[in-house]
Structure formats: C-alpha cells, structure tokens
C-alpha cells in the first residue's frame, strides 16, 4: 500500500461493502483513467469508507448521471468526465480525462466547484494520490447529519445515498426528519432535472 492511500485510511478508517473490481472494468478504463486509480481498484475494490460517508465507485454506473448533470453546461464539451467517488449525500467527484480532479458537483444544492489541477498529462498518477490525501471526513458530511442519519435510517449500501424529501431545490428543509435512504443513481438523475447547475460562487450583479 502506498503512502497516499495509507494517509487516506488514517482519515477514513477501514472499508465497508467492498466489491472486487472485475478485470473487464480495469480493461475498460485502461488508458482513460490513471493507472494509479486502477491500481487502487485492484488492491482495494470499490467500497465505502468512514462508515459509508465516502465511496469509491464504478464510473460506468454513473455515466447517465454525468450526462444528465452536464448536458447544456459548459462542461459538456470541455472534457470527458467520469465519477470516481461520491459522498453519502450525493457529492460527486468527477475526473476529467484531460483535466484530472477538476470538478465536484454538490447534487443536493445543484452547485458545482471547479479546481484547476496541476496534475495533468503525465502527472495524472500523482493527481490520484493528491486526490486521496486531500479527502476529509467532515467535508463529505452535510450539516453534521451523517451520524444521525446512519443511526435513524441504517448504514448505506453501495447503491444508496441519504437524500432530502422533498428535495432542497423544491423548497424542502435540510433537516434530519426529511432525510431518506434513496437509490443513488435514480435520485441523482431526478435532482439533475430540477434546476440549472450553477457555480457555488455566483458573480455579483
């Protein structure tokens, strides 16, 4: 195990719901995603960390999600993006084939943030290590609701997230009593259809 992943595990702890990554998936993303990420897949699988607050995922499961969120945005044609990780509340970490770890979508708020990674080109493997080291438990929580939600609703499975019902973008309140366990792909596509994806820092008018 390399140092970057060791640091990540010190922050998040042991994995849960680990699934072995089939050779076909490794082959599918060879030359598309960095070799270092594929190595992590081989060694650790797709699984949850921090009791399910953060998940490493199969990007193929989220292809429709990416398309639904990014169509009609400036990102649709700027790069080819793949979801490589997500949070318990549907934060999506997207990897650009040319831009690296450059885009994050906070789905429950329909907001995005961009980061100009220095790890592009032949530095993509270093970018994966930097991505893992930079992750924190608290920044994957939402309003300190993860532990209460897990206690109330039970731990998440790989295909689930905690979602607000009604959705915040429909006027719902971001309170514990409004959280439910929902199927993540279906819920993410639903959220993508509610409103336009906007940046976190909107320019002043």
N, C-alpha and C. Protein backbone atom coordinates (compact mmCIF):
# COMPACT_ATOMS: atom_id res chain seq x y z
N UNK A 1 0.85 -1.20 0.00
CA UNK A 1 0.00 0.00 0.00
C UNK A 1 0.88 1.25 0.00
N UNK A 2 0.56 2.21 -0.87
CA UNK A 2 1.41 3.40 -0.93
C UNK A 2 1.05 4.39 0.17
N UNK A 3 1.90 5.39 0.33
CA UNK A 3 1.75 6.33 1.44
C UNK A 3 0.45 7.13 1.34
N UNK A 4 0.07 7.52 0.12
CA UNK A 4 -1.14 8.33 -0.06
C UNK A 4 -2.38 7.59 0.43
N UNK A 5 -2.48 6.32 0.07
CA UNK A 5 -3.66 5.56 0.49
C UNK A 5 -3.61 5.28 1.99
N UNK A 6 -2.44 5.12 2.53
CA UNK A 6 -2.31 4.94 3.99
C UNK A 6 -2.82 6.17 4.73
N UNK A 7 -2.48 7.35 4.22
CA UNK A 7 -2.95 8.60 4.83
C UNK A 7 -4.47 8.69 4.72
N UNK A 8 -4.99 8.30 3.56
CA UNK A 8 -6.44 8.29 3.36
C UNK A 8 -7.12 7.37 4.39
N UNK A 9 -6.58 6.18 4.60
CA UNK A 9 -7.17 5.23 5.55
C UNK A 9 -7.06 5.73 6.99
N UNK A 10 -5.99 6.45 7.30
CA UNK A 10 -5.88 7.03 8.64
C UNK A 10 -7.02 8.00 8.91
N UNK A 11 -7.45 8.70 7.86
CA UNK A 11 -8.55 9.66 8.00
C UNK A 11 -9.91 8.96 8.03
N UNK A 12 -10.11 7.97 7.17
CA UNK A 12 -11.44 7.39 7.00
C UNK A 12 -11.65 6.04 7.66
N UNK A 13 -10.59 5.31 7.93
CA UNK A 13 -10.74 4.01 8.55
C UNK A 13 -10.98 2.89 7.55
N UNK A 14 -11.32 1.73 8.07
CA UNK A 14 -11.44 0.52 7.25
C UNK A 14 -12.61 0.60 6.27
N UNK A 15 -12.50 -0.10 5.14
CA UNK A 15 -13.57 -0.08 4.15
C UNK A 15 -14.78 -0.90 4.57
N UNK A 16 -15.93 -0.59 3.96
CA UNK A 16 -17.14 -1.38 4.15
C UNK A 16 -17.70 -1.71 2.77
N UNK A 17 -18.51 -2.75 2.71
CA UNK A 17 -19.22 -3.12 1.46
C UNK A 17 -18.27 -3.18 0.27
N UNK A 18 -17.11 -3.81 0.48
CA UNK A 18 -16.11 -3.86 -0.59
C UNK A 18 -16.54 -4.83 -1.68
N UNK A 19 -16.38 -4.38 -2.94
CA UNK A 19 -16.68 -5.22 -4.10
C UNK A 19 -15.42 -5.33 -4.96
N UNK A 20 -15.07 -6.55 -5.31
CA UNK A 20 -13.91 -6.76 -6.17
C UNK A 20 -14.19 -6.18 -7.55
N UNK A 21 -13.20 -5.49 -8.09
CA UNK A 21 -13.33 -4.90 -9.43
C UNK A 21 -12.98 -5.94 -10.47
N UNK A 22 -13.89 -6.26 -11.38
CA UNK A 22 -13.61 -7.28 -12.39
C UNK A 22 -12.54 -6.82 -13.38
N UNK A 23 -11.78 -7.77 -13.92
CA UNK A 23 -10.76 -7.40 -14.93
C UNK A 23 -11.33 -6.63 -16.11
N UNK A 24 -12.59 -6.89 -16.46
CA UNK A 24 -13.21 -6.19 -17.59
C UNK A 24 -13.32 -4.70 -17.33
N UNK A 25 -13.54 -4.31 -16.07
CA UNK A 25 -13.63 -2.89 -15.74
C UNK A 25 -12.25 -2.24 -15.76
N UNK A 26 -11.25 -2.98 -15.29
CA UNK A 26 -9.88 -2.46 -15.37
C UNK A 26 -9.51 -2.23 -16.83
N UNK A 27 -9.84 -3.19 -17.66
CA UNK A 27 -9.52 -3.07 -19.08
C UNK A 27 -10.30 -1.93 -19.73
N UNK A 28 -11.55 -1.76 -19.32
CA UNK A 28 -12.40 -0.72 -19.90
C UNK A 28 -11.79 0.67 -19.71
N UNK A 29 -11.18 0.90 -18.54
CA UNK A 29 -10.68 2.23 -18.22
C UNK A 29 -9.17 2.37 -18.38
N UNK A 30 -8.52 1.32 -18.87
CA UNK A 30 -7.08 1.41 -19.14
C UNK A 30 -6.83 2.46 -20.21
N UNK A 31 -5.97 3.41 -19.91
CA UNK A 31 -5.68 4.48 -20.84
C UNK A 31 -6.68 5.61 -20.80
N UNK A 32 -7.74 5.47 -20.01
CA UNK A 32 -8.75 6.51 -19.86
C UNK A 32 -8.63 7.17 -18.49
N UNK A 33 -8.54 6.34 -17.45
CA UNK A 33 -8.29 6.82 -16.10
C UNK A 33 -6.86 6.46 -15.70
N UNK A 34 -6.29 7.19 -14.75
CA UNK A 34 -4.88 6.98 -14.40
C UNK A 34 -4.60 5.56 -13.90
N UNK A 35 -3.41 5.07 -14.19
CA UNK A 35 -3.02 3.74 -13.74
C UNK A 35 -3.06 3.61 -12.22
N UNK A 36 -2.74 4.72 -11.52
CA UNK A 36 -2.74 4.66 -10.07
C UNK A 36 -4.14 4.39 -9.52
N UNK A 37 -5.15 4.98 -10.14
CA UNK A 37 -6.52 4.72 -9.72
C UNK A 37 -6.89 3.26 -9.97
N UNK A 38 -6.51 2.73 -11.11
CA UNK A 38 -6.80 1.33 -11.43
C UNK A 38 -6.07 0.40 -10.46
N UNK A 39 -4.89 0.79 -10.02
CA UNK A 39 -4.16 0.01 -9.02
C UNK A 39 -4.92 0.00 -7.70
N UNK A 40 -5.44 1.14 -7.29
CA UNK A 40 -6.26 1.18 -6.08
C UNK A 40 -7.48 0.28 -6.22
N UNK A 41 -8.09 0.29 -7.40
CA UNK A 41 -9.25 -0.59 -7.63
C UNK A 41 -8.85 -2.05 -7.44
N UNK A 42 -7.73 -2.44 -8.04
CA UNK A 42 -7.29 -3.83 -7.93
C UNK A 42 -7.02 -4.22 -6.48
N UNK A 43 -6.39 -3.32 -5.74
CA UNK A 43 -5.94 -3.64 -4.38
C UNK A 43 -7.06 -3.54 -3.35
N UNK A 44 -8.00 -2.62 -3.56
CA UNK A 44 -8.99 -2.33 -2.52
C UNK A 44 -10.43 -2.51 -2.97
N UNK A 45 -10.67 -2.58 -4.27
CA UNK A 45 -12.03 -2.72 -4.77
C UNK A 45 -12.78 -1.40 -4.75
N UNK A 46 -14.05 -1.48 -5.10
CA UNK A 46 -14.97 -0.35 -4.94
C UNK A 46 -15.66 -0.53 -3.60
N UNK A 47 -15.61 0.48 -2.73
CA UNK A 47 -16.16 0.31 -1.39
C UNK A 47 -16.38 1.65 -0.71
N UNK A 48 -17.02 1.57 0.46
CA UNK A 48 -17.27 2.75 1.26
C UNK A 48 -16.21 2.92 2.34
N UNK A 49 -16.03 4.15 2.77
CA UNK A 49 -15.08 4.47 3.84
C UNK A 49 -15.75 5.43 4.81
N UNK A 50 -15.17 5.54 6.02
CA UNK A 50 -15.77 6.41 7.02
C UNK A 50 -17.19 5.98 7.36
N UNK A 51 -17.39 4.66 7.44
CA UNK A 51 -18.71 4.07 7.75
C UNK A 51 -19.75 4.37 6.67
N UNK A 52 -19.26 4.75 5.49
CA UNK A 52 -20.17 5.00 4.37
C UNK A 52 -20.35 6.46 4.01
N UNK A 53 -19.52 7.33 4.57
CA UNK A 53 -19.65 8.76 4.25
C UNK A 53 -18.98 9.08 2.91
N UNK A 54 -18.07 8.20 2.46
CA UNK A 54 -17.32 8.41 1.22
C UNK A 54 -17.19 7.06 0.52
N UNK A 55 -17.38 7.07 -0.81
CA UNK A 55 -17.34 5.82 -1.58
C UNK A 55 -16.49 5.98 -2.83
N UNK A 56 -15.67 4.98 -3.09
CA UNK A 56 -15.01 4.83 -4.39
C UNK A 56 -15.93 3.98 -5.25
N UNK A 57 -16.19 4.40 -6.47
CA UNK A 57 -17.28 3.80 -7.24
C UNK A 57 -16.84 3.37 -8.63
N UNK A 58 -17.71 2.57 -9.25
CA UNK A 58 -17.57 2.19 -10.65
C UNK A 58 -18.07 3.33 -11.52
N UNK A 59 -17.21 4.01 -12.26
CA UNK A 59 -17.66 5.14 -13.07
C UNK A 59 -18.76 4.78 -14.07
N UNK A 60 -18.74 3.56 -14.55
CA UNK A 60 -19.73 3.14 -15.54
C UNK A 60 -21.15 3.25 -15.00
N UNK A 61 -21.32 3.01 -13.69
CA UNK A 61 -22.64 3.11 -13.08
C UNK A 61 -23.20 4.53 -13.15
N UNK A 62 -22.31 5.51 -13.31
CA UNK A 62 -22.70 6.91 -13.23
C UNK A 62 -22.63 7.63 -14.57
N UNK A 63 -22.45 6.89 -15.64
CA UNK A 63 -22.37 7.53 -16.96
C UNK A 63 -23.63 8.35 -17.26
N UNK A 64 -24.79 7.79 -16.98
CA UNK A 64 -26.04 8.51 -17.22
C UNK A 64 -26.19 9.71 -16.31
N UNK A 65 -25.68 9.59 -15.09
CA UNK A 65 -25.72 10.70 -14.14
C UNK A 65 -24.89 11.87 -14.65
N UNK A 66 -23.68 11.57 -15.11
CA UNK A 66 -22.80 12.61 -15.64
C UNK A 66 -23.45 13.31 -16.83
N UNK A 67 -23.99 12.53 -17.73
CA UNK A 67 -24.64 13.11 -18.90
C UNK A 67 -25.80 14.00 -18.51
N UNK A 68 -26.60 13.55 -17.54
CA UNK A 68 -27.78 14.32 -17.13
C UNK A 68 -27.40 15.63 -16.46
N UNK A 69 -26.34 15.61 -15.65
CA UNK A 69 -25.92 16.83 -14.96
C UNK A 69 -25.21 17.82 -15.88
N UNK A 70 -24.41 17.31 -16.80
CA UNK A 70 -23.53 18.20 -17.56
C UNK A 70 -24.09 18.65 -18.91
N UNK A 71 -25.14 17.99 -19.40
CA UNK A 71 -25.69 18.43 -20.67
C UNK A 71 -26.19 19.87 -20.53
N UNK A 72 -26.01 20.64 -21.57
CA UNK A 72 -26.39 22.05 -21.59
C UNK A 72 -25.55 22.91 -20.66
N UNK A 73 -24.39 22.39 -20.20
CA UNK A 73 -23.46 23.21 -19.44
C UNK A 73 -22.16 23.34 -20.24
N UNK A 74 -21.30 24.23 -19.77
CA UNK A 74 -20.03 24.44 -20.44
C UNK A 74 -19.12 23.23 -20.35
N UNK A 75 -19.44 22.31 -19.43
CA UNK A 75 -18.60 21.13 -19.24
C UNK A 75 -18.90 20.02 -20.24
N UNK A 76 -20.03 20.11 -20.91
CA UNK A 76 -20.46 19.03 -21.80
C UNK A 76 -19.44 18.73 -22.88
N UNK A 77 -18.76 19.77 -23.36
CA UNK A 77 -17.81 19.59 -24.45
C UNK A 77 -16.38 19.98 -24.09
N UNK A 78 -16.17 20.33 -22.82
CA UNK A 78 -14.84 20.79 -22.43
C UNK A 78 -13.89 19.65 -22.08
N UNK A 79 -14.46 18.51 -21.69
CA UNK A 79 -13.65 17.35 -21.31
C UNK A 79 -14.58 16.15 -21.24
N UNK A 80 -14.02 14.97 -21.07
CA UNK A 80 -14.79 13.76 -20.84
C UNK A 80 -14.64 13.41 -19.37
N UNK A 81 -15.76 13.45 -18.63
CA UNK A 81 -15.71 13.29 -17.18
C UNK A 81 -16.24 11.92 -16.74
N UNK A 82 -15.66 11.44 -15.63
CA UNK A 82 -16.08 10.18 -15.03
C UNK A 82 -16.18 10.36 -13.52
N UNK A 83 -17.27 9.88 -12.92
CA UNK A 83 -17.39 9.90 -11.47
C UNK A 83 -16.49 8.80 -10.90
N UNK A 84 -15.54 9.18 -10.04
CA UNK A 84 -14.66 8.18 -9.44
C UNK A 84 -14.98 7.99 -7.96
N UNK A 85 -15.69 8.94 -7.36
CA UNK A 85 -16.03 8.84 -5.94
C UNK A 85 -17.25 9.70 -5.66
N UNK A 86 -17.89 9.40 -4.52
CA UNK A 86 -19.08 10.18 -4.15
C UNK A 86 -19.24 10.14 -2.64
N UNK A 87 -20.04 11.07 -2.11
CA UNK A 87 -20.30 11.10 -0.67
C UNK A 87 -21.65 10.48 -0.35
N UNK A 88 -21.93 10.35 0.94
CA UNK A 88 -23.20 9.79 1.39
C UNK A 88 -24.38 10.66 0.99
N UNK A 89 -24.13 11.95 0.75
CA UNK A 89 -25.19 12.89 0.41
C UNK A 89 -25.19 13.26 -1.07
N UNK A 90 -24.47 12.49 -1.88
CA UNK A 90 -24.52 12.69 -3.32
C UNK A 90 -23.57 13.73 -3.87
N UNK A 91 -22.54 14.10 -3.12
CA UNK A 91 -21.46 14.89 -3.72
C UNK A 91 -20.73 13.99 -4.72
N UNK A 92 -20.50 14.51 -5.90
CA UNK A 92 -19.87 13.72 -6.95
C UNK A 92 -18.49 14.27 -7.28
N UNK A 93 -17.49 13.40 -7.24
CA UNK A 93 -16.12 13.78 -7.60
C UNK A 93 -15.86 13.27 -9.01
N UNK A 94 -15.71 14.21 -9.93
CA UNK A 94 -15.54 13.87 -11.34
C UNK A 94 -14.09 14.03 -11.77
N UNK A 95 -13.63 13.04 -12.52
CA UNK A 95 -12.28 13.07 -13.06
C UNK A 95 -12.36 13.36 -14.55
N UNK A 96 -11.69 14.41 -14.98
CA UNK A 96 -11.63 14.74 -16.40
C UNK A 96 -10.47 14.03 -17.06
N UNK A 97 -10.69 13.48 -18.24
CA UNK A 97 -9.62 12.73 -18.91
C UNK A 97 -8.41 13.60 -19.21
N UNK A 98 -8.64 14.90 -19.42
CA UNK A 98 -7.51 15.81 -19.64
C UNK A 98 -7.28 16.76 -18.47
N UNK A 99 -8.30 17.00 -17.66
CA UNK A 99 -8.19 18.00 -16.58
C UNK A 99 -8.01 17.38 -15.20
N UNK A 100 -8.08 16.06 -15.07
CA UNK A 100 -7.86 15.41 -13.79
C UNK A 100 -8.98 15.68 -12.80
N UNK A 101 -8.60 15.78 -11.52
CA UNK A 101 -9.58 16.00 -10.44
C UNK A 101 -9.97 17.48 -10.44
N UNK A 102 -10.89 17.82 -11.33
CA UNK A 102 -11.14 19.24 -11.60
C UNK A 102 -12.57 19.69 -11.36
N UNK A 103 -13.49 18.77 -11.08
CA UNK A 103 -14.90 19.15 -10.99
C UNK A 103 -15.59 18.36 -9.89
N UNK A 104 -16.34 19.07 -9.05
CA UNK A 104 -17.15 18.45 -8.00
C UNK A 104 -18.56 19.01 -8.08
N UNK A 105 -19.54 18.12 -8.03
CA UNK A 105 -20.94 18.53 -8.03
C UNK A 105 -21.56 18.23 -6.67
N UNK A 106 -22.14 19.23 -6.06
CA UNK A 106 -22.92 19.06 -4.83
C UNK A 106 -24.37 18.95 -5.25
N UNK A 107 -24.82 17.73 -5.44
CA UNK A 107 -26.08 17.49 -6.14
C UNK A 107 -27.30 18.01 -5.38
N UNK A 108 -27.30 17.90 -4.06
CA UNK A 108 -28.50 18.31 -3.32
C UNK A 108 -28.74 19.81 -3.39
N UNK A 109 -27.70 20.57 -3.75
CA UNK A 109 -27.83 22.03 -3.90
C UNK A 109 -27.74 22.47 -5.35
N UNK A 110 -27.52 21.52 -6.26
CA UNK A 110 -27.34 21.81 -7.68
C UNK A 110 -26.24 22.86 -7.89
N UNK A 111 -25.12 22.63 -7.26
CA UNK A 111 -23.98 23.54 -7.35
C UNK A 111 -22.73 22.76 -7.73
N UNK A 112 -21.80 23.45 -8.39
CA UNK A 112 -20.54 22.82 -8.73
C UNK A 112 -19.38 23.70 -8.30
N UNK A 113 -18.24 23.09 -8.14
CA UNK A 113 -17.00 23.81 -7.91
C UNK A 113 -15.93 23.23 -8.82
N UNK A 114 -15.07 24.10 -9.31
CA UNK A 114 -14.01 23.67 -10.23
C UNK A 114 -12.66 23.92 -9.59
N UNK A 115 -11.71 23.11 -9.99
CA UNK A 115 -10.34 23.21 -9.49
C UNK A 115 -9.40 22.96 -10.66
N UNK A 116 -8.49 23.87 -10.87
CA UNK A 116 -7.51 23.70 -11.94
C UNK A 116 -6.34 22.88 -11.40
N UNK A 117 -6.39 21.60 -11.68
CA UNK A 117 -5.37 20.70 -11.15
C UNK A 117 -4.03 20.92 -11.85
N UNK A 118 -2.97 20.82 -11.07
CA UNK A 118 -1.62 20.89 -11.64
C UNK A 118 -1.17 19.51 -12.11
N UNK A 119 -1.99 18.50 -11.77
CA UNK A 119 -1.62 17.12 -12.08
C UNK A 119 -2.33 16.66 -13.35
N UNK A 120 -1.85 17.11 -14.47
CA UNK A 120 -2.42 16.72 -15.75
C UNK A 120 -1.32 16.07 -16.61
N UNK A 121 -1.72 15.61 -17.80
CA UNK A 121 -0.73 14.99 -18.68
C UNK A 121 -0.11 13.76 -18.05
N UNK A 122 1.22 13.73 -17.99
CA UNK A 122 1.91 12.56 -17.45
C UNK A 122 2.00 12.60 -15.92
N UNK A 123 1.30 13.55 -15.28
CA UNK A 123 1.30 13.64 -13.82
C UNK A 123 -0.02 13.16 -13.21
N UNK A 124 -0.83 12.48 -14.01
CA UNK A 124 -2.15 12.04 -13.54
C UNK A 124 -2.06 11.08 -12.34
N UNK A 125 -1.08 10.19 -12.33
CA UNK A 125 -0.95 9.27 -11.20
C UNK A 125 -0.71 10.02 -9.90
N UNK A 126 0.13 11.05 -9.97
CA UNK A 126 0.36 11.90 -8.79
C UNK A 126 -0.93 12.61 -8.41
N UNK A 127 -1.74 12.96 -9.41
CA UNK A 127 -3.02 13.61 -9.14
C UNK A 127 -3.97 12.72 -8.38
N UNK A 128 -3.96 11.42 -8.67
CA UNK A 128 -4.80 10.48 -7.92
C UNK A 128 -4.35 10.42 -6.47
N UNK A 129 -3.05 10.35 -6.26
CA UNK A 129 -2.54 10.32 -4.88
C UNK A 129 -2.91 11.61 -4.14
N UNK A 130 -2.79 12.75 -4.81
CA UNK A 130 -3.14 14.03 -4.19
C UNK A 130 -4.63 14.07 -3.87
N UNK A 131 -5.44 13.52 -4.76
CA UNK A 131 -6.89 13.46 -4.53
C UNK A 131 -7.20 12.68 -3.26
N UNK A 132 -6.60 11.50 -3.10
CA UNK A 132 -6.88 10.68 -1.92
C UNK A 132 -6.43 11.37 -0.64
N UNK A 133 -5.24 11.96 -0.68
CA UNK A 133 -4.70 12.61 0.52
C UNK A 133 -5.55 13.81 0.92
N UNK A 134 -6.17 14.48 -0.04
CA UNK A 134 -6.91 15.71 0.25
C UNK A 134 -8.30 15.47 0.85
N UNK A 135 -8.80 14.25 0.79
CA UNK A 135 -10.16 13.99 1.24
C UNK A 135 -10.24 14.01 2.77
N UNK A 136 -11.35 14.55 3.27
CA UNK A 136 -11.60 14.63 4.71
C UNK A 136 -13.01 14.15 5.03
N UNK A 137 -13.15 13.54 6.19
CA UNK A 137 -14.47 13.05 6.61
C UNK A 137 -15.46 14.19 6.72
N UNK A 138 -15.07 15.28 7.38
CA UNK A 138 -16.03 16.35 7.67
C UNK A 138 -16.53 17.05 6.42
N UNK A 139 -15.70 17.13 5.37
CA UNK A 139 -16.14 17.83 4.16
C UNK A 139 -17.05 16.96 3.30
N UNK A 140 -17.21 15.70 3.66
CA UNK A 140 -18.16 14.83 2.97
C UNK A 140 -19.48 14.69 3.73
N UNK A 141 -19.55 15.33 4.88
CA UNK A 141 -20.79 15.38 5.66
C UNK A 141 -21.64 16.54 5.16
N UNK A 142 -22.88 16.60 5.61
CA UNK A 142 -23.74 17.74 5.28
C UNK A 142 -24.46 18.14 6.56
N UNK A 143 -24.09 19.30 7.10
CA UNK A 143 -24.73 19.80 8.31
C UNK A 143 -24.60 18.86 9.50
N UNK A 144 -23.51 18.10 9.56
CA UNK A 144 -23.30 17.13 10.65
C UNK A 144 -24.45 16.12 10.76
N UNK A 145 -25.04 15.79 9.64
CA UNK A 145 -26.20 14.90 9.65
C UNK A 145 -25.85 13.45 9.38
N UNK A 146 -24.60 13.14 9.04
CA UNK A 146 -24.30 11.76 8.66
C UNK A 146 -24.54 10.77 9.79
N UNK A 147 -23.98 11.02 10.95
CA UNK A 147 -24.14 10.07 12.05
C UNK A 147 -25.60 9.94 12.49
N UNK A 148 -26.33 11.06 12.66
CA UNK A 148 -27.76 10.92 12.99
C UNK A 148 -28.54 10.17 11.92
N UNK A 149 -28.21 10.43 10.64
CA UNK A 149 -28.90 9.75 9.55
C UNK A 149 -28.61 8.25 9.57
N UNK A 150 -27.36 7.90 9.81
CA UNK A 150 -27.00 6.48 9.85
C UNK A 150 -27.70 5.77 11.01
N UNK A 151 -27.81 6.46 12.12
CA UNK A 151 -28.49 5.87 13.28
C UNK A 151 -29.99 5.71 13.03
N UNK A 152 -30.58 6.70 12.39
CA UNK A 152 -32.02 6.68 12.14
C UNK A 152 -32.41 5.75 10.98
N UNK A 153 -31.62 5.79 9.91
CA UNK A 153 -32.01 5.13 8.66
C UNK A 153 -31.22 3.86 8.35
N UNK A 154 -30.20 3.57 9.15
CA UNK A 154 -29.30 2.43 8.95
C UNK A 154 -28.21 2.78 7.95
N UNK A 155 -27.10 2.05 7.98
CA UNK A 155 -26.00 2.33 7.07
C UNK A 155 -26.39 2.18 5.61
N UNK A 156 -25.64 2.88 4.76
CA UNK A 156 -25.89 2.84 3.32
C UNK A 156 -25.30 1.59 2.67
N UNK A 157 -25.96 1.14 1.62
CA UNK A 157 -25.40 0.16 0.72
C UNK A 157 -24.76 0.90 -0.45
N UNK A 158 -23.97 0.22 -1.27
CA UNK A 158 -23.26 0.91 -2.36
C UNK A 158 -24.16 1.66 -3.33
N UNK A 159 -25.41 1.24 -3.48
CA UNK A 159 -26.31 1.88 -4.44
C UNK A 159 -27.27 2.86 -3.78
N UNK A 160 -26.94 3.33 -2.57
CA UNK A 160 -27.84 4.21 -1.83
C UNK A 160 -27.14 5.49 -1.40
N UNK A 161 -27.94 6.53 -1.14
CA UNK A 161 -27.46 7.77 -0.54
C UNK A 161 -28.52 8.28 0.40
N UNK A 162 -28.18 9.25 1.22
CA UNK A 162 -29.17 9.95 2.04
C UNK A 162 -29.64 11.17 1.25
N UNK A 163 -30.93 11.23 0.97
CA UNK A 163 -31.49 12.32 0.20
C UNK A 163 -32.63 13.00 0.95
N UNK A 164 -32.78 14.29 0.71
CA UNK A 164 -33.85 15.06 1.35
C UNK A 164 -35.14 14.92 0.54
N UNK A 165 -36.23 14.68 1.27
CA UNK A 165 -37.55 14.58 0.65
C UNK A 165 -38.53 15.45 1.43
N UNK A 166 -39.10 16.49 0.80
CA UNK A 166 -38.84 16.92 -0.58
C UNK A 166 -37.43 17.50 -0.74
N UNK A 167 -36.95 17.50 -1.96
CA UNK A 167 -35.61 17.99 -2.26
C UNK A 167 -35.46 19.46 -1.87
N UNK A 168 -34.26 19.82 -1.48
CA UNK A 168 -33.99 21.22 -1.11
C UNK A 168 -34.34 22.15 -2.25
N UNK A 169 -34.05 21.74 -3.48
CA UNK A 169 -34.32 22.60 -4.63
C UNK A 169 -35.81 22.74 -4.92
N UNK A 170 -36.63 21.94 -4.25
CA UNK A 170 -38.09 22.08 -4.34
C UNK A 170 -38.67 22.77 -3.12
N UNK A 171 -37.79 23.32 -2.29
CA UNK A 171 -38.23 24.03 -1.11
C UNK A 171 -38.21 23.23 0.16
N UNK A 172 -37.71 21.99 0.10
CA UNK A 172 -37.63 21.16 1.30
C UNK A 172 -36.58 21.67 2.27
N UNK A 173 -36.78 21.36 3.53
CA UNK A 173 -35.84 21.78 4.57
C UNK A 173 -34.75 20.73 4.74
N UNK A 174 -33.52 21.18 4.97
CA UNK A 174 -32.40 20.25 5.14
C UNK A 174 -32.28 19.82 6.60
N UNK A 175 -33.30 19.08 7.05
CA UNK A 175 -33.38 18.60 8.42
C UNK A 175 -33.37 17.08 8.44
N UNK A 176 -32.98 16.52 9.57
CA UNK A 176 -32.89 15.08 9.72
C UNK A 176 -34.21 14.39 9.40
N UNK A 177 -35.30 14.97 9.83
CA UNK A 177 -36.61 14.32 9.61
C UNK A 177 -36.99 14.24 8.15
N UNK A 178 -36.31 15.02 7.29
CA UNK A 178 -36.60 14.99 5.86
C UNK A 178 -35.65 14.08 5.08
N UNK A 179 -34.72 13.43 5.76
CA UNK A 179 -33.78 12.54 5.09
C UNK A 179 -34.38 11.14 4.92
N UNK A 180 -34.11 10.56 3.77
CA UNK A 180 -34.48 9.17 3.50
C UNK A 180 -33.32 8.48 2.80
N UNK A 181 -33.30 7.16 2.91
CA UNK A 181 -32.37 6.39 2.08
C UNK A 181 -33.00 6.20 0.72
N UNK A 182 -32.28 6.59 -0.32
CA UNK A 182 -32.81 6.51 -1.69
C UNK A 182 -31.78 5.85 -2.59
N UNK A 183 -32.25 5.30 -3.70
CA UNK A 183 -31.34 4.74 -4.70
C UNK A 183 -30.56 5.88 -5.34
N UNK A 184 -29.24 5.78 -5.31
CA UNK A 184 -28.44 6.94 -5.63
C UNK A 184 -28.52 7.36 -7.09
N UNK A 185 -28.43 6.43 -8.02
CA UNK A 185 -28.43 6.82 -9.43
C UNK A 185 -29.75 7.47 -9.81
N UNK A 186 -30.84 6.83 -9.43
CA UNK A 186 -32.16 7.38 -9.75
C UNK A 186 -32.36 8.75 -9.11
N UNK A 187 -31.92 8.91 -7.86
CA UNK A 187 -32.13 10.18 -7.15
C UNK A 187 -31.25 11.28 -7.75
N UNK A 188 -30.03 10.94 -8.12
CA UNK A 188 -29.15 11.93 -8.72
C UNK A 188 -29.69 12.44 -10.05
N UNK A 189 -30.23 11.55 -10.85
CA UNK A 189 -30.82 11.97 -12.12
C UNK A 189 -32.05 12.83 -11.87
N UNK A 190 -32.86 12.46 -10.88
CA UNK A 190 -34.00 13.28 -10.50
C UNK A 190 -33.55 14.69 -10.10
N UNK A 191 -32.54 14.79 -9.25
CA UNK A 191 -32.06 16.10 -8.81
C UNK A 191 -31.53 16.92 -9.98
N UNK A 192 -30.90 16.26 -10.94
CA UNK A 192 -30.32 16.99 -12.07
C UNK A 192 -31.39 17.65 -12.93
N UNK A 193 -32.61 17.18 -12.83
CA UNK A 193 -33.69 17.69 -13.67
C UNK A 193 -34.48 18.82 -13.01
N UNK A 194 -34.13 19.16 -11.77
CA UNK A 194 -34.93 20.14 -11.04
C UNK A 194 -34.59 21.58 -11.39
N UNK A 195 -33.32 21.85 -11.65
CA UNK A 195 -32.90 23.23 -11.89
C UNK A 195 -31.55 23.23 -12.59
N UNK A 196 -31.10 24.40 -12.98
CA UNK A 196 -29.81 24.53 -13.67
C UNK A 196 -28.66 24.34 -12.69
N UNK A 197 -27.62 23.67 -13.15
CA UNK A 197 -26.40 23.53 -12.36
C UNK A 197 -25.64 24.85 -12.37
N UNK A 198 -25.37 25.39 -11.18
CA UNK A 198 -24.73 26.69 -11.07
C UNK A 198 -23.47 26.59 -10.21
N UNK A 199 -22.54 27.53 -10.39
CA UNK A 199 -21.34 27.52 -9.56
C UNK A 199 -21.66 27.94 -8.14
N UNK A 200 -20.83 27.54 -7.19
CA UNK A 200 -21.00 27.94 -5.80
C UNK A 200 -20.83 29.44 -5.64
N UNK A 201 -19.85 30.00 -6.32
CA UNK A 201 -19.57 31.42 -6.20
C UNK A 201 -20.14 32.16 -7.40
N UNK A 202 -21.38 32.60 -7.28
CA UNK A 202 -22.01 33.35 -8.36
C UNK A 202 -21.47 34.78 -8.37
N UNK A 203 -21.19 35.34 -9.52
CA UNK A 203 -20.72 36.72 -9.58
C UNK A 203 -21.80 37.69 -9.13
N UNK A 204 -21.38 38.77 -8.49
CA UNK A 204 -22.35 39.78 -8.07
C UNK A 204 -22.86 40.55 -9.28
N UNK A 205 -24.15 40.86 -9.24
CA UNK A 205 -24.77 41.62 -10.35
C UNK A 205 -24.57 43.12 -10.15
